[in-house]
Amino acid sequence: MDGIKYTVFTDKSLRLLSKNQYTSNVESGSTRTEIKHWVELVFGVKVIAMNSHRLLGKGKRMGPIMGQTMHYKRIIITLQPGYSIPPFRNKKNFNQNNKNTY
């Protein structure tokens, strides 16, 4: 399982951070229990609740042909108080760990 595709940063998701809730897009075929176990294993946190919903892709037109982007699944994870998932990687620590990046 690839797990989380990327973290979502919208107005609503930034408001939910104050409630210790994190929003991410995941693979559309993954189940809620798989995602919950994966998040607890990778980040070392305790998940209280998880909400998920499937979002339809947008319609795209290329000339006379109408297509559609891929569907995706979005999850909102609620963590126990005291736990957090760092959404951004600290640039200073990243450069110290990978000194030969250039």
N, C-alpha and C. Protein backbone atom coordinates (compact mmCIF):
# COMPACT_ATOMS: atom_id res chain seq x y z
N MET A 1 0.85 -1.18 0.00
CA MET A 1 0.00 0.00 0.00
C MET A 1 0.88 1.23 0.00
N ASP A 2 0.60 2.18 -0.88
CA ASP A 2 1.37 3.40 -0.95
C ASP A 2 1.02 4.35 0.18
N GLY A 3 -0.17 4.25 0.73
CA GLY A 3 -0.56 5.10 1.84
C GLY A 3 -1.05 6.45 1.40
N ILE A 4 -0.58 7.48 2.08
CA ILE A 4 -1.05 8.83 1.84
C ILE A 4 -0.37 9.40 0.61
N LYS A 5 -1.17 9.95 -0.32
CA LYS A 5 -0.60 10.60 -1.51
C LYS A 5 0.01 11.94 -1.13
N TYR A 6 -0.80 12.81 -0.54
CA TYR A 6 -0.31 14.12 -0.11
C TYR A 6 -1.27 14.73 0.88
N THR A 7 -0.76 15.70 1.64
CA THR A 7 -1.56 16.41 2.63
C THR A 7 -2.31 17.55 1.95
N VAL A 8 -3.53 17.79 2.38
CA VAL A 8 -4.38 18.83 1.80
C VAL A 8 -4.30 20.07 2.68
N PHE A 9 -4.05 21.23 2.05
CA PHE A 9 -4.00 22.49 2.77
C PHE A 9 -5.05 23.44 2.19
N THR A 10 -6.27 23.35 2.74
CA THR A 10 -7.35 24.26 2.37
C THR A 10 -7.71 25.06 3.61
N ASP A 11 -8.64 26.01 3.47
CA ASP A 11 -9.07 26.80 4.62
C ASP A 11 -9.66 25.90 5.71
N LYS A 12 -10.48 24.95 5.30
CA LYS A 12 -11.10 24.06 6.28
C LYS A 12 -10.06 23.17 6.95
N SER A 13 -9.12 22.61 6.19
CA SER A 13 -8.13 21.72 6.79
C SER A 13 -7.21 22.47 7.74
N LEU A 14 -6.92 23.73 7.46
CA LEU A 14 -6.10 24.53 8.38
C LEU A 14 -6.87 24.84 9.66
N ARG A 15 -8.18 25.04 9.58
CA ARG A 15 -8.99 25.23 10.79
C ARG A 15 -9.04 23.96 11.62
N LEU A 16 -9.08 22.81 10.95
CA LEU A 16 -9.16 21.53 11.67
C LEU A 16 -7.87 21.20 12.41
N LEU A 17 -6.74 21.79 12.00
CA LEU A 17 -5.48 21.54 12.70
C LEU A 17 -5.55 21.95 14.16
N SER A 18 -6.34 22.99 14.48
CA SER A 18 -6.48 23.42 15.88
C SER A 18 -7.23 22.38 16.71
N LYS A 19 -8.02 21.52 16.05
CA LYS A 19 -8.75 20.44 16.74
C LYS A 19 -7.98 19.13 16.69
N ASN A 20 -6.72 19.18 16.25
CA ASN A 20 -5.85 18.00 16.15
C ASN A 20 -6.39 17.02 15.11
N GLN A 21 -6.91 17.57 13.99
CA GLN A 21 -7.41 16.77 12.88
C GLN A 21 -6.58 17.09 11.65
N TYR A 22 -6.20 16.05 10.91
CA TYR A 22 -5.34 16.20 9.74
C TYR A 22 -6.05 15.67 8.51
N THR A 23 -5.93 16.39 7.39
CA THR A 23 -6.61 16.05 6.15
C THR A 23 -5.60 15.63 5.10
N SER A 24 -5.86 14.52 4.41
CA SER A 24 -4.96 14.02 3.38
C SER A 24 -5.76 13.32 2.29
N ASN A 25 -5.17 13.25 1.11
CA ASN A 25 -5.71 12.43 0.03
C ASN A 25 -4.95 11.12 0.01
N VAL A 26 -5.68 10.02 -0.20
CA VAL A 26 -5.08 8.69 -0.19
C VAL A 26 -5.48 7.96 -1.46
N GLU A 27 -4.92 6.77 -1.63
CA GLU A 27 -5.29 5.92 -2.77
C GLU A 27 -6.77 5.59 -2.69
N SER A 28 -7.47 5.62 -3.80
CA SER A 28 -8.92 5.43 -3.79
C SER A 28 -9.32 4.00 -3.44
N GLY A 29 -8.45 3.03 -3.63
CA GLY A 29 -8.80 1.65 -3.34
C GLY A 29 -8.50 1.21 -1.92
N SER A 30 -7.88 2.05 -1.10
CA SER A 30 -7.50 1.66 0.25
C SER A 30 -8.70 1.78 1.20
N THR A 31 -8.72 0.92 2.21
CA THR A 31 -9.82 0.92 3.17
C THR A 31 -9.46 1.77 4.38
N ARG A 32 -10.47 2.05 5.19
CA ARG A 32 -10.27 2.89 6.37
C ARG A 32 -9.34 2.22 7.38
N THR A 33 -9.50 0.92 7.60
CA THR A 33 -8.66 0.24 8.58
C THR A 33 -7.22 0.18 8.12
N GLU A 34 -6.99 -0.02 6.82
CA GLU A 34 -5.62 -0.01 6.29
C GLU A 34 -4.96 1.34 6.52
N ILE A 35 -5.69 2.41 6.25
CA ILE A 35 -5.14 3.75 6.41
C ILE A 35 -4.85 4.03 7.87
N LYS A 36 -5.77 3.65 8.76
CA LYS A 36 -5.58 3.88 10.20
C LYS A 36 -4.34 3.16 10.71
N HIS A 37 -4.18 1.89 10.36
CA HIS A 37 -3.01 1.13 10.80
C HIS A 37 -1.73 1.70 10.20
N TRP A 38 -1.79 2.11 8.95
CA TRP A 38 -0.62 2.66 8.30
C TRP A 38 -0.17 3.96 8.97
N VAL A 39 -1.12 4.86 9.29
CA VAL A 39 -0.78 6.14 9.94
C VAL A 39 -0.21 5.90 11.32
N GLU A 40 -0.81 4.98 12.10
CA GLU A 40 -0.30 4.69 13.44
C GLU A 40 1.09 4.08 13.38
N LEU A 41 1.35 3.25 12.39
CA LEU A 41 2.65 2.59 12.27
C LEU A 41 3.73 3.56 11.82
N VAL A 42 3.47 4.35 10.80
CA VAL A 42 4.48 5.23 10.22
C VAL A 42 4.78 6.43 11.11
N PHE A 43 3.74 7.10 11.61
CA PHE A 43 3.94 8.33 12.37
C PHE A 43 4.04 8.10 13.87
N GLY A 44 3.71 6.93 14.36
CA GLY A 44 3.79 6.64 15.79
C GLY A 44 2.78 7.43 16.60
N VAL A 45 1.55 7.55 16.11
CA VAL A 45 0.51 8.31 16.79
C VAL A 45 -0.67 7.39 17.09
N LYS A 46 -1.61 7.86 17.92
CA LYS A 46 -2.83 7.13 18.22
C LYS A 46 -4.00 7.83 17.56
N VAL A 47 -4.73 7.11 16.73
CA VAL A 47 -5.86 7.66 16.00
C VAL A 47 -7.13 7.39 16.78
N ILE A 48 -7.89 8.46 17.08
CA ILE A 48 -9.18 8.32 17.77
C ILE A 48 -10.27 8.00 16.77
N ALA A 49 -10.36 8.81 15.71
CA ALA A 49 -11.42 8.65 14.72
C ALA A 49 -10.88 8.98 13.34
N MET A 50 -11.58 8.49 12.34
CA MET A 50 -11.19 8.77 10.97
C MET A 50 -12.44 8.86 10.11
N ASN A 51 -12.56 9.95 9.39
CA ASN A 51 -13.66 10.14 8.44
C ASN A 51 -13.07 10.09 7.04
N SER A 52 -13.79 9.48 6.12
CA SER A 52 -13.31 9.42 4.74
C SER A 52 -14.48 9.63 3.79
N HIS A 53 -14.17 10.20 2.65
CA HIS A 53 -15.17 10.34 1.61
C HIS A 53 -14.48 10.32 0.26
N ARG A 54 -15.25 9.88 -0.75
CA ARG A 54 -14.72 9.75 -2.10
C ARG A 54 -15.16 10.96 -2.90
N LEU A 55 -14.21 11.60 -3.56
CA LEU A 55 -14.50 12.77 -4.37
C LEU A 55 -14.39 12.42 -5.84
N LEU A 56 -15.36 12.87 -6.62
CA LEU A 56 -15.36 12.58 -8.04
C LEU A 56 -14.38 13.49 -8.76
N GLY A 57 -13.81 12.99 -9.84
CA GLY A 57 -12.90 13.79 -10.66
C GLY A 57 -13.64 14.84 -11.44
N LYS A 58 -12.92 15.86 -11.86
CA LYS A 58 -13.52 16.95 -12.63
C LYS A 58 -13.57 16.58 -14.11
N GLY A 59 -14.58 17.11 -14.78
CA GLY A 59 -14.69 16.89 -16.22
C GLY A 59 -13.72 17.78 -16.98
N LYS A 60 -13.02 17.21 -17.94
CA LYS A 60 -12.07 17.96 -18.76
C LYS A 60 -12.40 17.72 -20.23
N ARG A 61 -12.35 18.79 -21.01
CA ARG A 61 -12.65 18.68 -22.42
C ARG A 61 -11.38 18.92 -23.24
N MET A 62 -11.15 18.05 -24.21
CA MET A 62 -10.06 18.23 -25.17
C MET A 62 -10.68 18.19 -26.56
N GLY A 63 -11.07 19.37 -27.03
CA GLY A 63 -11.77 19.44 -28.31
C GLY A 63 -13.16 18.87 -28.17
N PRO A 64 -13.55 17.98 -29.07
CA PRO A 64 -14.91 17.42 -29.00
C PRO A 64 -15.02 16.27 -27.98
N ILE A 65 -13.90 15.82 -27.45
CA ILE A 65 -13.92 14.66 -26.55
C ILE A 65 -13.97 15.14 -25.11
N MET A 66 -14.93 14.60 -24.35
CA MET A 66 -15.08 14.93 -22.94
C MET A 66 -14.46 13.82 -22.11
N GLY A 67 -13.53 14.19 -21.24
CA GLY A 67 -12.88 13.22 -20.37
C GLY A 67 -13.11 13.58 -18.91
N GLN A 68 -12.43 12.89 -18.02
CA GLN A 68 -12.59 13.13 -16.60
C GLN A 68 -11.28 12.80 -15.89
N THR A 69 -10.93 13.60 -14.88
CA THR A 69 -9.75 13.31 -14.08
C THR A 69 -10.06 12.15 -13.14
N MET A 70 -9.05 11.61 -12.51
CA MET A 70 -9.23 10.45 -11.64
C MET A 70 -10.01 10.80 -10.38
N HIS A 71 -10.80 9.85 -9.88
CA HIS A 71 -11.47 10.00 -8.60
C HIS A 71 -10.43 9.82 -7.51
N TYR A 72 -10.69 10.39 -6.34
CA TYR A 72 -9.76 10.22 -5.23
C TYR A 72 -10.51 10.18 -3.91
N LYS A 73 -9.84 9.71 -2.88
CA LYS A 73 -10.43 9.57 -1.56
C LYS A 73 -9.72 10.52 -0.60
N ARG A 74 -10.49 11.21 0.22
CA ARG A 74 -9.93 12.15 1.19
C ARG A 74 -10.27 11.66 2.59
N ILE A 75 -9.31 11.74 3.51
CA ILE A 75 -9.54 11.31 4.89
C ILE A 75 -9.27 12.48 5.83
N ILE A 76 -9.99 12.47 6.94
CA ILE A 76 -9.74 13.40 8.04
C ILE A 76 -9.47 12.55 9.26
N ILE A 77 -8.24 12.64 9.79
CA ILE A 77 -7.81 11.81 10.91
C ILE A 77 -7.82 12.66 12.18
N THR A 78 -8.46 12.17 13.25
CA THR A 78 -8.44 12.82 14.54
C THR A 78 -7.49 12.06 15.45
N LEU A 79 -6.50 12.77 16.00
CA LEU A 79 -5.50 12.15 16.87
C LEU A 79 -5.82 12.43 18.33
N GLN A 80 -5.29 11.56 19.22
CA GLN A 80 -5.42 11.79 20.65
C GLN A 80 -4.66 13.06 21.03
N PRO A 81 -5.11 13.75 22.09
CA PRO A 81 -4.37 14.94 22.53
C PRO A 81 -2.94 14.59 22.90
N GLY A 82 -2.01 15.45 22.51
CA GLY A 82 -0.60 15.22 22.78
C GLY A 82 0.15 14.65 21.59
N TYR A 83 -0.55 14.11 20.61
CA TYR A 83 0.08 13.57 19.41
C TYR A 83 -0.08 14.57 18.27
N SER A 84 0.87 14.57 17.35
CA SER A 84 0.77 15.43 16.18
C SER A 84 1.56 14.82 15.03
N ILE A 85 1.20 15.21 13.82
CA ILE A 85 1.90 14.80 12.61
C ILE A 85 2.50 16.06 12.01
N PRO A 86 3.82 16.12 11.87
CA PRO A 86 4.40 17.34 11.29
C PRO A 86 4.10 17.43 9.80
N PRO A 87 3.34 18.47 9.37
CA PRO A 87 2.98 18.56 7.95
C PRO A 87 4.13 19.05 7.07
N PHE A 88 5.05 19.81 7.64
CA PHE A 88 6.17 20.33 6.87
C PHE A 88 7.46 19.75 7.40
N ARG A 89 8.38 19.50 6.51
CA ARG A 89 9.71 19.03 6.90
C ARG A 89 10.55 20.25 7.22
N ASN A 90 11.26 20.23 8.35
CA ASN A 90 12.09 21.35 8.75
C ASN A 90 13.27 21.46 7.78
N LYS A 91 13.38 22.60 7.11
CA LYS A 91 14.39 22.78 6.06
C LYS A 91 15.80 22.69 6.64
N LYS A 92 15.99 23.23 7.84
CA LYS A 92 17.31 23.20 8.47
C LYS A 92 17.75 21.76 8.75
N ASN A 93 16.88 20.97 9.35
CA ASN A 93 17.21 19.58 9.65
C ASN A 93 17.39 18.76 8.37
N PHE A 94 16.59 19.06 7.34
CA PHE A 94 16.68 18.31 6.10
C PHE A 94 18.04 18.54 5.44
N ASN A 95 18.52 19.77 5.43
CA ASN A 95 19.81 20.05 4.81
C ASN A 95 20.97 19.49 5.62
N GLN A 96 20.86 19.43 6.94
CA GLN A 96 21.92 18.87 7.77
C GLN A 96 22.03 17.35 7.55
N ASN A 97 20.90 16.70 7.37
CA ASN A 97 20.93 15.25 7.19
C ASN A 97 21.40 14.87 5.79
N ASN A 98 21.14 15.71 4.81
CA ASN A 98 21.52 15.43 3.42
C ASN A 98 22.48 16.52 2.94
N LYS A 99 23.71 16.49 3.39
CA LYS A 99 24.66 17.54 3.07
C LYS A 99 25.09 17.52 1.61
N ASN A 100 25.09 16.37 0.98
CA ASN A 100 25.55 16.26 -0.41
C ASN A 100 24.37 16.25 -1.38
N THR A 101 23.46 17.21 -1.23
CA THR A 101 22.29 17.22 -2.11
C THR A 101 22.57 17.93 -3.40
N TYR A 102 23.57 18.79 -3.48
CA TYR A 102 23.84 19.53 -4.73
C TYR A 102 25.05 19.01 -5.42
